[in-house]
C-alpha atoms as a PDB file:
ATOM      1  CA  UNK A   1     -89.009  10.348  70.040  1.00  0.00           C
ATOM      2  CA  UNK A   2     -86.063   9.029  71.967  1.00  0.00           C
ATOM      3  CA  UNK A   3     -85.848   8.310  75.672  1.00  0.00           C
ATOM      4  CA  UNK A   4     -82.906   8.268  78.075  1.00  0.00           C
ATOM      5  CA  UNK A   5     -82.591   6.899  81.588  1.00  0.00           C
ATOM      6  CA  UNK A   6     -81.167   8.895  84.471  1.00  0.00           C
ATOM      7  CA  UNK A   7     -78.343   6.961  86.151  1.00  0.00           C
ATOM      8  CA  UNK A   8     -77.881   6.759  89.941  1.00  0.00           C
ATOM      9  CA  UNK A   9     -75.323   9.577  89.509  1.00  0.00           C
ATOM     10  CA  UNK A  10     -77.964  11.681  87.669  1.00  0.00           C
ATOM     11  CA  UNK A  11     -76.185  11.275  84.323  1.00  0.00           C
ATOM     12  CA  UNK A  12     -77.798  10.725  80.926  1.00  0.00           C
ATOM     13  CA  UNK A  13     -76.416   9.568  77.582  1.00  0.00           C
ATOM     14  CA  UNK A  14     -77.455  11.573  74.532  1.00  0.00           C
ATOM     15  CA  UNK A  15     -78.519   9.079  71.831  1.00  0.00           C
ATOM     16  CA  UNK A  16     -76.124   8.678  68.903  1.00  0.00           C
ATOM     17  CA  UNK A  17     -78.484   9.998  66.172  1.00  0.00           C
ATOM     18  CA  UNK A  18     -78.957  13.231  68.137  1.00  0.00           C
ATOM     19  CA  UNK A  19     -75.219  13.574  68.870  1.00  0.00           C
ATOM     20  CA  UNK A  20     -74.428  13.113  65.186  1.00  0.00           C
ATOM     21  CA  UNK A  21     -77.197  15.426  64.000  1.00  0.00           C
ATOM     22  CA  UNK A  22     -76.039  18.232  66.309  1.00  0.00           C
ATOM     23  CA  UNK A  23     -72.346  17.400  65.768  1.00  0.00           C
ATOM     24  CA  UNK A  24     -71.711  17.150  69.512  1.00  0.00           C
ATOM     25  CA  UNK A  25     -68.270  16.145  70.680  1.00  0.00           C
ATOM     26  CA  UNK A  26     -66.888  14.840  73.987  1.00  0.00           C
ATOM     27  CA  UNK A  27     -66.066  17.674  76.367  1.00  0.00           C
ATOM     28  CA  UNK A  28     -68.299  20.160  74.548  1.00  0.00           C
ATOM     29  CA  UNK A  29     -70.248  22.415  76.887  1.00  0.00           C
ATOM     30  CA  UNK A  30     -74.047  22.585  76.823  1.00  0.00           C
ATOM     31  CA  UNK A  31     -76.299  25.044  78.556  1.00  0.00           C
ATOM     32  CA  UNK A  32     -78.953  23.446  80.790  1.00  0.00           C
ATOM     33  CA  UNK A  33     -82.257  25.321  80.996  1.00  0.00           C
ATOM     34  CA  UNK A  34     -85.427  24.467  82.911  1.00  0.00           C
ATOM     35  CA  UNK A  35     -88.406  25.779  80.959  1.00  0.00           C
ATOM     36  CA  UNK A  36     -92.092  25.075  81.651  1.00  0.00           C
ATOM     37  CA  UNK A  37     -91.363  21.819  83.471  1.00  0.00           C
ATOM     38  CA  UNK A  38     -88.866  20.452  80.942  1.00  0.00           C
ATOM     39  CA  UNK A  39     -85.102  20.344  80.651  1.00  0.00           C
ATOM     40  CA  UNK A  40     -83.451  21.757  77.540  1.00  0.00           C
ATOM     41  CA  UNK A  41     -79.822  21.192  76.605  1.00  0.00           C
ATOM     42  CA  UNK A  42     -78.443  23.904  74.328  1.00  0.00           C
ATOM     43  CA  UNK A  43     -75.033  23.223  72.744  1.00  0.00           C
ATOM     44  CA  UNK A  44     -72.529  26.024  73.137  1.00  0.00           C
ATOM     45  CA  UNK A  45     -71.145  27.054  69.764  1.00  0.00           C
ATOM     46  CA  UNK A  46     -67.704  28.407  69.026  1.00  0.00           C
ATOM     47  CA  UNK A  47     -67.769  32.085  68.064  1.00  0.00           C
ATOM     48  CA  UNK A  48     -66.400  31.266  64.589  1.00  0.00           C
ATOM     49  CA  UNK A  49     -69.456  29.087  63.887  1.00  0.00           C
ATOM     50  CA  UNK A  50     -71.743  32.060  64.529  1.00  0.00           C
ATOM     51  CA  UNK A  51     -70.198  34.271  61.843  1.00  0.00           C
ATOM     52  CA  UNK A  52     -72.852  35.305  59.339  1.00  0.00           C
ATOM     53  CA  UNK A  53     -75.745  33.520  61.041  1.00  0.00           C
ATOM     54  CA  UNK A  54     -78.001  36.586  60.717  1.00  0.00           C
ATOM     55  CA  UNK A  55     -76.993  37.413  57.154  1.00  0.00           C
ATOM     56  CA  UNK A  56     -79.947  38.796  55.257  1.00  0.00           C
ATOM     57  CA  UNK A  57     -81.946  39.872  58.309  1.00  0.00           C
ATOM     58  CA  UNK A  58     -84.295  42.769  57.649  1.00  0.00           C
ATOM     59  CA  UNK A  59     -82.985  45.853  59.455  1.00  0.00           C
ATOM     60  CA  UNK A  60     -85.583  48.192  57.950  1.00  0.00           C
ATOM     61  CA  UNK A  61     -87.714  48.579  61.066  1.00  0.00           C
ATOM     62  CA  UNK A  62     -89.385  51.689  62.366  1.00  0.00           C
ATOM     63  CA  UNK A  63     -87.574  52.886  65.461  1.00  0.00           C
ATOM     64  CA  UNK A  64     -88.692  55.188  68.230  1.00  0.00           C
ATOM     65  CA  UNK A  65     -87.181  58.667  67.829  1.00  0.00           C
ATOM     66  CA  UNK A  66     -85.223  58.423  71.085  1.00  0.00           C
ATOM     67  CA  UNK A  67     -83.669  55.078  70.013  1.00  0.00           C
ATOM     68  CA  UNK A  68     -81.958  56.214  66.814  1.00  0.00           C
END
């Protein structure tokens, strides 16, 4: 587990191993979400990176008759 310190300007530095693991770059946008008393940072991905991310998903589900 890694810790960061909040600066007087309310800034934090994301530790290098996490930046490298998530391939974060300077200027990249992240979504900030408060969830159950914690803060989550979710990196915004370029639309080209999302191509094919649900490949192989099972679409054989039973649907309600009015939803077909």
